[in-house]
PDB file of all heavy atoms in Angstrom:
ATOM      1  N   VAL A   1      39.804  90.268  94.144  1.00  0.00           N
ATOM      2  CA  VAL A   1      41.190  90.606  93.832  1.00  0.00           C
ATOM      3  C   VAL A   1      42.176  89.881  94.738  1.00  0.00           C
ATOM      4  O   VAL A   1      42.122  90.003  95.961  1.00  0.00           O
ATOM      5  CB  VAL A   1      41.418  92.136  93.949  1.00  0.00           C
ATOM      6  CG1 VAL A   1      42.801  92.507  93.424  1.00  0.00           C
ATOM      7  CG2 VAL A   1      40.336  92.904  93.199  1.00  0.00           C
ATOM      8  N   ASP A   2      43.061  89.127  94.125  1.00  0.00           N
ATOM      9  CA  ASP A   2      44.188  88.514  94.827  1.00  0.00           C
ATOM     10  C   ASP A   2      45.399  89.399  94.560  1.00  0.00           C
ATOM     11  O   ASP A   2      46.021  89.317  93.498  1.00  0.00           O
ATOM     12  CB  ASP A   2      44.408  87.086  94.308  1.00  0.00           C
ATOM     13  CG  ASP A   2      45.611  86.408  94.941  1.00  0.00           C
ATOM     14  OD1 ASP A   2      46.126  86.927  95.952  1.00  0.00           O
ATOM     15  OD2 ASP A   2      46.040  85.360  94.417  1.00  0.00           O
ATOM     16  N   LEU A   3      45.697  90.274  95.511  1.00  0.00           N
ATOM     17  CA  LEU A   3      46.778  91.235  95.313  1.00  0.00           C
ATOM     18  C   LEU A   3      48.139  90.545  95.309  1.00  0.00           C
ATOM     19  O   LEU A   3      48.349  89.530  95.982  1.00  0.00           O
ATOM     20  CB  LEU A   3      46.758  92.304  96.410  1.00  0.00           C
ATOM     21  CG  LEU A   3      45.565  93.260  96.392  1.00  0.00           C
ATOM     22  CD1 LEU A   3      45.538  94.103  97.657  1.00  0.00           C
ATOM     23  CD2 LEU A   3      45.606  94.167  95.164  1.00  0.00           C
ATOM     24  N   ALA A   4      49.056  91.100  94.545  1.00  0.00           N
ATOM     25  CA  ALA A   4      50.426  90.598  94.553  1.00  0.00           C
ATOM     26  C   ALA A   4      51.016  90.750  95.945  1.00  0.00           C
ATOM     27  O   ALA A   4      50.590  91.592  96.738  1.00  0.00           O
ATOM     28  CB  ALA A   4      51.277  91.352  93.526  1.00  0.00           C
ATOM     29  N   SER A   5      52.017  89.943  96.223  1.00  0.00           N
ATOM     30  CA  SER A   5      52.614  89.914  97.563  1.00  0.00           C
ATOM     31  C   SER A   5      53.399  91.180  97.866  1.00  0.00           C
ATOM     32  O   SER A   5      54.281  91.578  97.093  1.00  0.00           O
ATOM     33  CB  SER A   5      53.548  88.708  97.682  1.00  0.00           C
ATOM     34  OG  SER A   5      52.862  87.508  97.415  1.00  0.00           O
ATOM     35  N   SER A   6      53.065  91.811  98.980  1.00  0.00           N
ATOM     36  CA  SER A   6      53.883  92.925  99.441  1.00  0.00           C
ATOM     37  C   SER A   6      55.148  92.345 100.084  1.00  0.00           C
ATOM     38  O   SER A   6      55.100  91.326 100.751  1.00  0.00           O
ATOM     39  CB  SER A   6      53.116  93.768 100.465  1.00  0.00           C
ATOM     40  OG  SER A   6      52.791  92.995 101.604  1.00  0.00           O
ATOM     41  N   GLU A   7      56.280  92.978  99.841  1.00  0.00           N
ATOM     42  CA  GLU A   7      57.526  92.438 100.371  1.00  0.00           C
ATOM     43  C   GLU A   7      58.597  93.507 100.471  1.00  0.00           C
ATOM     44  O   GLU A   7      58.575  94.510  99.751  1.00  0.00           O
ATOM     45  CB  GLU A   7      58.029  91.311  99.466  1.00  0.00           C
ATOM     46  CG  GLU A   7      58.267  91.735  98.025  1.00  0.00           C
ATOM     47  CD  GLU A   7      58.591  90.565  97.118  1.00  0.00           C
ATOM     48  OE1 GLU A   7      57.995  89.490  97.285  1.00  0.00           O
ATOM     49  OE2 GLU A   7      59.446  90.741  96.229  1.00  0.00           O
ATOM     50  N   ARG A   8      59.536  93.284 101.369  1.00  0.00           N
ATOM     51  CA  ARG A   8      60.704  94.157 101.467  1.00  0.00           C
ATOM     52  C   ARG A   8      61.778  93.597 100.550  1.00  0.00           C
ATOM     53  O   ARG A   8      62.164  92.428 100.648  1.00  0.00           O
ATOM     54  CB  ARG A   8      61.192  94.216 102.910  1.00  0.00           C
ATOM     55  CG  ARG A   8      60.240  94.957 103.839  1.00  0.00           C
ATOM     56  CD  ARG A   8      60.773  95.010 105.249  1.00  0.00           C
ATOM     57  NE  ARG A   8      62.076  95.646 105.321  1.00  0.00           N
ATOM     58  CZ  ARG A   8      62.763  95.822 106.454  1.00  0.00           C
ATOM     59  NH1 ARG A   8      62.248  95.393 107.593  1.00  0.00           N
ATOM     60  NH2 ARG A   8      63.943  96.410 106.443  1.00  0.00           N
ATOM     61  N   VAL A   9      62.256  94.443  99.653  1.00  0.00           N
ATOM     62  CA  VAL A   9      63.205  94.001  98.638  1.00  0.00           C
ATOM     63  C   VAL A   9      64.465  93.427  99.262  1.00  0.00           C
ATOM     64  O   VAL A   9      65.030  92.436  98.769  1.00  0.00           O
ATOM     65  CB  VAL A   9      63.547  95.169  97.690  1.00  0.00           C
ATOM     66  CG1 VAL A   9      64.666  94.768  96.732  1.00  0.00           C
ATOM     67  CG2 VAL A   9      62.307  95.592  96.907  1.00  0.00           C
ATOM     68  N   ASP A  10      64.908  93.998 100.393  1.00  0.00           N
ATOM     69  CA  ASP A  10      66.139  93.499 101.002  1.00  0.00           C
ATOM     70  C   ASP A  10      65.972  92.086 101.540  1.00  0.00           C
ATOM     71  O   ASP A  10      66.918  91.288 101.543  1.00  0.00           O
ATOM     72  CB  ASP A  10      66.611  94.450 102.111  1.00  0.00           C
ATOM     73  CG  ASP A  10      65.561  94.658 103.194  1.00  0.00           C
ATOM     74  OD1 ASP A  10      64.370  94.407 102.919  1.00  0.00           O
ATOM     75  OD2 ASP A  10      65.921  95.071 104.304  1.00  0.00           O
ATOM     76  N   LYS A  11      64.753  91.738 101.975  1.00  0.00           N
ATOM     77  CA  LYS A  11      64.512  90.393 102.498  1.00  0.00           C
ATOM     78  C   LYS A  11      64.239  89.381 101.389  1.00  0.00           C
ATOM     79  O   LYS A  11      64.605  88.212 101.492  1.00  0.00           O
ATOM     80  CB  LYS A  11      63.348  90.408 103.483  1.00  0.00           C
ATOM     81  CG  LYS A  11      63.681  91.068 104.816  1.00  0.00           C
ATOM     82  CD  LYS A  11      62.569  90.846 105.827  1.00  0.00           C
ATOM     83  CE  LYS A  11      62.962  91.401 107.193  1.00  0.00           C
ATOM     84  NZ  LYS A  11      61.893  91.161 108.210  1.00  0.00           N
ATOM     85  N   SER A  12      63.559  89.815 100.327  1.00  0.00           N
ATOM     86  CA  SER A  12      63.242  88.885  99.243  1.00  0.00           C
ATOM     87  C   SER A  12      64.450  88.627  98.348  1.00  0.00           C
ATOM     88  O   SER A  12      64.480  87.653  97.598  1.00  0.00           O
ATOM     89  CB  SER A  12      62.072  89.410  98.395  1.00  0.00           C
ATOM     90  OG  SER A  12      62.378  90.674  97.841  1.00  0.00           O
ATOM     91  N   GLU A  13      65.462  89.530  98.416  1.00  0.00           N
ATOM     92  CA  GLU A  13      66.735  89.354  97.695  1.00  0.00           C
ATOM     93  C   GLU A  13      66.540  89.236  96.190  1.00  0.00           C
ATOM     94  O   GLU A  13      67.244  88.488  95.508  1.00  0.00           O
ATOM     95  CB  GLU A  13      67.482  88.134  98.229  1.00  0.00           C
ATOM     96  CG  GLU A  13      67.844  88.231  99.708  1.00  0.00           C
ATOM     97  CD  GLU A  13      68.534  86.983 100.234  1.00  0.00           C
ATOM     98  OE1 GLU A  13      68.854  86.089  99.410  1.00  0.00           O
ATOM     99  OE2 GLU A  13      68.752  86.900 101.457  1.00  0.00           O
ATOM    100  N   VAL A  14      65.585  89.969  95.642  1.00  0.00           N
ATOM    101  CA  VAL A  14      65.349  89.920  94.207  1.00  0.00           C
ATOM    102  C   VAL A  14      66.245  90.926  93.495  1.00  0.00           C
ATOM    103  O   VAL A  14      66.595  91.979  94.036  1.00  0.00           O
ATOM    104  CB  VAL A  14      63.873  90.213  93.860  1.00  0.00           C
ATOM    105  CG1 VAL A  14      62.994  89.059  94.278  1.00  0.00           C
ATOM    106  CG2 VAL A  14      63.401  91.508  94.529  1.00  0.00           C
ATOM    107  N   THR A  15      66.615  90.599  92.269  1.00  0.00           N
ATOM    108  CA  THR A  15      67.436  91.473  91.442  1.00  0.00           C
ATOM    109  C   THR A  15      66.892  91.438  90.016  1.00  0.00           C
ATOM    110  O   THR A  15      66.048  90.619  89.677  1.00  0.00           O
ATOM    111  CB  THR A  15      68.908  91.011  91.428  1.00  0.00           C
ATOM    112  OG1 THR A  15      68.964  89.655  90.924  1.00  0.00           O
ATOM    113  CG2 THR A  15      69.515  91.063  92.822  1.00  0.00           C
ATOM    114  N   GLY A  16      67.391  92.330  89.169  1.00  0.00           N
ATOM    115  CA  GLY A  16      67.013  92.315  87.765  1.00  0.00           C
ATOM    116  C   GLY A  16      65.523  92.473  87.557  1.00  0.00           C
ATOM    117  O   GLY A  16      64.878  93.363  88.112  1.00  0.00           O
ATOM    118  N   ASP A  17      64.942  91.544  86.747  1.00  0.00           N
ATOM    119  CA  ASP A  17      63.505  91.595  86.474  1.00  0.00           C
ATOM    120  C   ASP A  17      62.693  91.433  87.752  1.00  0.00           C
ATOM    121  O   ASP A  17      61.618  92.033  87.895  1.00  0.00           O
ATOM    122  CB  ASP A  17      63.118  90.503  85.476  1.00  0.00           C
ATOM    123  CG  ASP A  17      63.630  90.789  84.066  1.00  0.00           C
ATOM    124  OD1 ASP A  17      63.965  91.943  83.791  1.00  0.00           O
ATOM    125  OD2 ASP A  17      63.699  89.834  83.258  1.00  0.00           O
ATOM    126  N   GLY A  18      63.178  90.619  88.683  1.00  0.00           N
ATOM    127  CA  GLY A  18      62.479  90.422  89.942  1.00  0.00           C
ATOM    128  C   GLY A  18      62.393  91.700  90.742  1.00  0.00           C
ATOM    129  O   GLY A  18      61.385  91.975  91.403  1.00  0.00           O
ATOM    130  N   LEU A  19      63.460  92.494  90.720  1.00  0.00           N
ATOM    131  CA  LEU A  19      63.466  93.780  91.413  1.00  0.00           C
ATOM    132  C   LEU A  19      62.469  94.735  90.774  1.00  0.00           C
ATOM    133  O   LEU A  19      61.725  95.438  91.472  1.00  0.00           O
ATOM    134  CB  LEU A  19      64.871  94.383  91.376  1.00  0.00           C
ATOM    135  CG  LEU A  19      65.024  95.773  92.003  1.00  0.00           C
ATOM    136  CD1 LEU A  19      64.616  95.758  93.470  1.00  0.00           C
ATOM    137  CD2 LEU A  19      66.464  96.260  91.847  1.00  0.00           C
ATOM    138  N   LYS A  20      62.421  94.722  89.438  1.00  0.00           N
ATOM    139  CA  LYS A  20      61.459  95.571  88.722  1.00  0.00           C
ATOM    140  C   LYS A  20      60.035  95.186  89.090  1.00  0.00           C
ATOM    141  O   LYS A  20      59.187  96.050  89.332  1.00  0.00           O
ATOM    142  CB  LYS A  20      61.674  95.427  87.216  1.00  0.00           C
ATOM    143  CG  LYS A  20      60.720  96.254  86.363  1.00  0.00           C
ATOM    144  CD  LYS A  20      60.982  96.014  84.879  1.00  0.00           C
ATOM    145  CE  LYS A  20      59.980  96.795  84.020  1.00  0.00           C
ATOM    146  NZ  LYS A  20      60.191  96.521  82.566  1.00  0.00           N
ATOM    147  N   GLU A  21      59.772  93.877  89.163  1.00  0.00           N
ATOM    148  CA  GLU A  21      58.448  93.403  89.551  1.00  0.00           C
ATOM    149  C   GLU A  21      58.088  93.885  90.948  1.00  0.00           C
ATOM    150  O   GLU A  21      56.983  94.388  91.179  1.00  0.00           O
ATOM    151  CB  GLU A  21      58.412  91.875  89.514  1.00  0.00           C
ATOM    152  CG  GLU A  21      58.493  91.263  88.130  1.00  0.00           C
ATOM    153  CD  GLU A  21      58.708  89.758  88.183  1.00  0.00           C
ATOM    154  OE1 GLU A  21      58.970  89.227  89.288  1.00  0.00           O
ATOM    155  OE2 GLU A  21      58.619  89.109  87.128  1.00  0.00           O
ATOM    156  N   ALA A  22      59.025  93.724  91.886  1.00  0.00           N
ATOM    157  CA  ALA A  22      58.770  94.120  93.275  1.00  0.00           C
ATOM    158  C   ALA A  22      58.491  95.615  93.386  1.00  0.00           C
ATOM    159  O   ALA A  22      57.623  96.045  94.154  1.00  0.00           O
ATOM    160  CB  ALA A  22      59.959  93.734  94.150  1.00  0.00           C
ATOM    161  N   GLN A  23      59.220  96.408  92.622  1.00  0.00           N
ATOM    162  CA  GLN A  23      59.017  97.853  92.656  1.00  0.00           C
ATOM    163  C   GLN A  23      57.626  98.223  92.143  1.00  0.00           C
ATOM    164  O   GLN A  23      56.945  99.087  92.718  1.00  0.00           O
ATOM    165  CB  GLN A  23      60.111  98.547  91.840  1.00  0.00           C
ATOM    166  CG  GLN A  23      61.482  98.463  92.482  1.00  0.00           C
ATOM    167  CD  GLN A  23      62.604  98.944  91.576  1.00  0.00           C
ATOM    168  OE1 GLN A  23      62.482  98.917  90.344  1.00  0.00           O
ATOM    169  NE2 GLN A  23      63.697  99.403  92.174  1.00  0.00           N
ATOM    170  N   HIS A  24      57.197  97.580  91.063  1.00  0.00           N
ATOM    171  CA  HIS A  24      55.851  97.833  90.529  1.00  0.00           C
ATOM    172  C   HIS A  24      54.783  97.398  91.532  1.00  0.00           C
ATOM    173  O   HIS A  24      53.776  98.091  91.719  1.00  0.00           O
ATOM    174  CB  HIS A  24      55.656  97.095  89.199  1.00  0.00           C
ATOM    175  CG  HIS A  24      56.167  97.847  88.008  1.00  0.00           C
ATOM    176  ND1 HIS A  24      55.522  98.955  87.501  1.00  0.00           N
ATOM    177  CD2 HIS A  24      57.260  97.643  87.225  1.00  0.00           C
ATOM    178  CE1 HIS A  24      56.196  99.407  86.448  1.00  0.00           C
ATOM    179  NE2 HIS A  24      57.251  98.637  86.260  1.00  0.00           N
ATOM    180  N   ILE A  25      54.997  96.246  92.163  1.00  0.00           N
ATOM    181  CA  ILE A  25      54.029  95.735  93.138  1.00  0.00           C
ATOM    182  C   ILE A  25      53.881  96.700  94.307  1.00  0.00           C
ATOM    183  O   ILE A  25      52.775  97.111  94.672  1.00  0.00           O
ATOM    184  CB  ILE A  25      54.455  94.346  93.661  1.00  0.00           C
ATOM    185  CG1 ILE A  25      54.332  93.296  92.553  1.00  0.00           C
ATOM    186  CG2 ILE A  25      53.615  93.945  94.873  1.00  0.00           C
ATOM    187  CD1 ILE A  25      54.983  91.976  92.887  1.00  0.00           C
ATOM    188  N   ASN A  26      55.019  97.073  94.900  1.00  0.00           N
ATOM    189  CA  ASN A  26      54.971  97.947  96.081  1.00  0.00           C
ATOM    190  C   ASN A  26      54.389  99.316  95.755  1.00  0.00           C
ATOM    191  O   ASN A  26      53.650  99.899  96.555  1.00  0.00           O
ATOM    192  CB  ASN A  26      56.367  98.069  96.681  1.00  0.00           C
ATOM    193  CG  ASN A  26      56.847  96.780  97.309  1.00  0.00           C
ATOM    194  OD1 ASN A  26      56.046  95.936  97.694  1.00  0.00           O
ATOM    195  ND2 ASN A  26      58.158  96.613  97.415  1.00  0.00           N
ATOM    196  N   LYS A  27      54.717  99.809  94.554  1.00  0.00           N
ATOM    197  CA  LYS A  27      54.202 101.122  94.155  1.00  0.00           C
ATOM    198  C   LYS A  27      52.682 101.071  93.978  1.00  0.00           C
ATOM    199  O   LYS A  27      51.961 101.964  94.443  1.00  0.00           O
ATOM    200  CB  LYS A  27      54.872 101.565  92.851  1.00  0.00           C
ATOM    201  CG  LYS A  27      54.497 102.987  92.417  1.00  0.00           C
ATOM    202  CD  LYS A  27      55.156 103.352  91.091  1.00  0.00           C
ATOM    203  CE  LYS A  27      56.660 103.429  91.214  1.00  0.00           C
ATOM    204  NZ  LYS A  27      57.287 103.902  89.938  1.00  0.00           N
ATOM    205  N   SER A  28      52.179 100.036  93.318  1.00  0.00           N
ATOM    206  CA  SER A  28      50.738  99.951  93.079  1.00  0.00           C
ATOM    207  C   SER A  28      49.973  99.736  94.385  1.00  0.00           C
ATOM    208  O   SER A  28      48.867 100.260  94.563  1.00  0.00           O
ATOM    209  CB  SER A  28      50.422  98.833  92.084  1.00  0.00           C
ATOM    210  OG  SER A  28      50.796  97.577  92.584  1.00  0.00           O
ATOM    211  N   LEU A  29      50.553  98.964  95.316  1.00  0.00           N
ATOM    212  CA  LEU A  29      49.900  98.786  96.612  1.00  0.00           C
ATOM    213  C   LEU A  29      49.864 100.100  97.386  1.00  0.00           C
ATOM    214  O   LEU A  29      48.891 100.404  98.085  1.00  0.00           O
ATOM    215  CB  LEU A  29      50.625  97.715  97.426  1.00  0.00           C
ATOM    216  CG  LEU A  29      50.509  96.277  96.907  1.00  0.00           C
ATOM    217  CD1 LEU A  29      51.393  95.342  97.730  1.00  0.00           C
ATOM    218  CD2 LEU A  29      49.066  95.804  96.937  1.00  0.00           C
ATOM    219  N   SER A  30      50.917 100.883  97.252  1.00  0.00           N
ATOM    220  CA  SER A  30      50.948 102.197  97.896  1.00  0.00           C
ATOM    221  C   SER A  30      49.877 103.110  97.306  1.00  0.00           C
ATOM    222  O   SER A  30      49.173 103.820  98.043  1.00  0.00           O
ATOM    223  CB  SER A  30      52.333 102.825  97.722  1.00  0.00           C
ATOM    224  OG  SER A  30      52.374 104.132  98.271  1.00  0.00           O
ATOM    225  N   PHE A  31      49.719 103.072  95.981  1.00  0.00           N
ATOM    226  CA  PHE A  31      48.687 103.890  95.323  1.00  0.00           C
ATOM    227  C   PHE A  31      47.287 103.447  95.746  1.00  0.00           C
ATOM    228  O   PHE A  31      46.394 104.274  95.932  1.00  0.00           O
ATOM    229  CB  PHE A  31      48.819 103.807  93.803  1.00  0.00           C
ATOM    230  CG  PHE A  31      50.008 104.564  93.255  1.00  0.00           C
ATOM    231  CD1 PHE A  31      50.742 104.056  92.196  1.00  0.00           C
ATOM    232  CD2 PHE A  31      50.377 105.790  93.786  1.00  0.00           C
ATOM    233  CE1 PHE A  31      51.820 104.752  91.682  1.00  0.00           C
ATOM    234  CE2 PHE A  31      51.463 106.510  93.287  1.00  0.00           C
ATOM    235  CZ  PHE A  31      52.195 105.981  92.223  1.00  0.00           C
ATOM    236  N   LEU A  32      47.097 102.140  95.898  1.00  0.00           N
ATOM    237  CA  LEU A  32      45.799 101.631  96.351  1.00  0.00           C
ATOM    238  C   LEU A  32      45.493 102.159  97.756  1.00  0.00           C
ATOM    239  O   LEU A  32      44.373 102.603  98.038  1.00  0.00           O
ATOM    240  CB  LEU A  32      45.798 100.110  96.349  1.00  0.00           C
ATOM    241  CG  LEU A  32      44.551  99.423  96.932  1.00  0.00           C
ATOM    242  CD1 LEU A  32      43.303  99.804  96.150  1.00  0.00           C
ATOM    243  CD2 LEU A  32      44.732  97.901  96.944  1.00  0.00           C
ATOM    244  N   GLY A  33      46.495 102.127  98.625  1.00  0.00           N
ATOM    245  CA  GLY A  33      46.317 102.672  99.970  1.00  0.00           C
ATOM    246  C   GLY A  33      45.987 104.146  99.937  1.00  0.00           C
ATOM    247  O   GLY A  33      45.161 104.627 100.731  1.00  0.00           O
TER     248      GLY A  33
END
């Protein structure tokens, strides 16, 4: 498994679809933990 990149939204400066992607990534990594 190559996990998606964990990141802080404020540093990655993503918005719109990118923000939605980041939220899904961080949530799934949290669930894995």
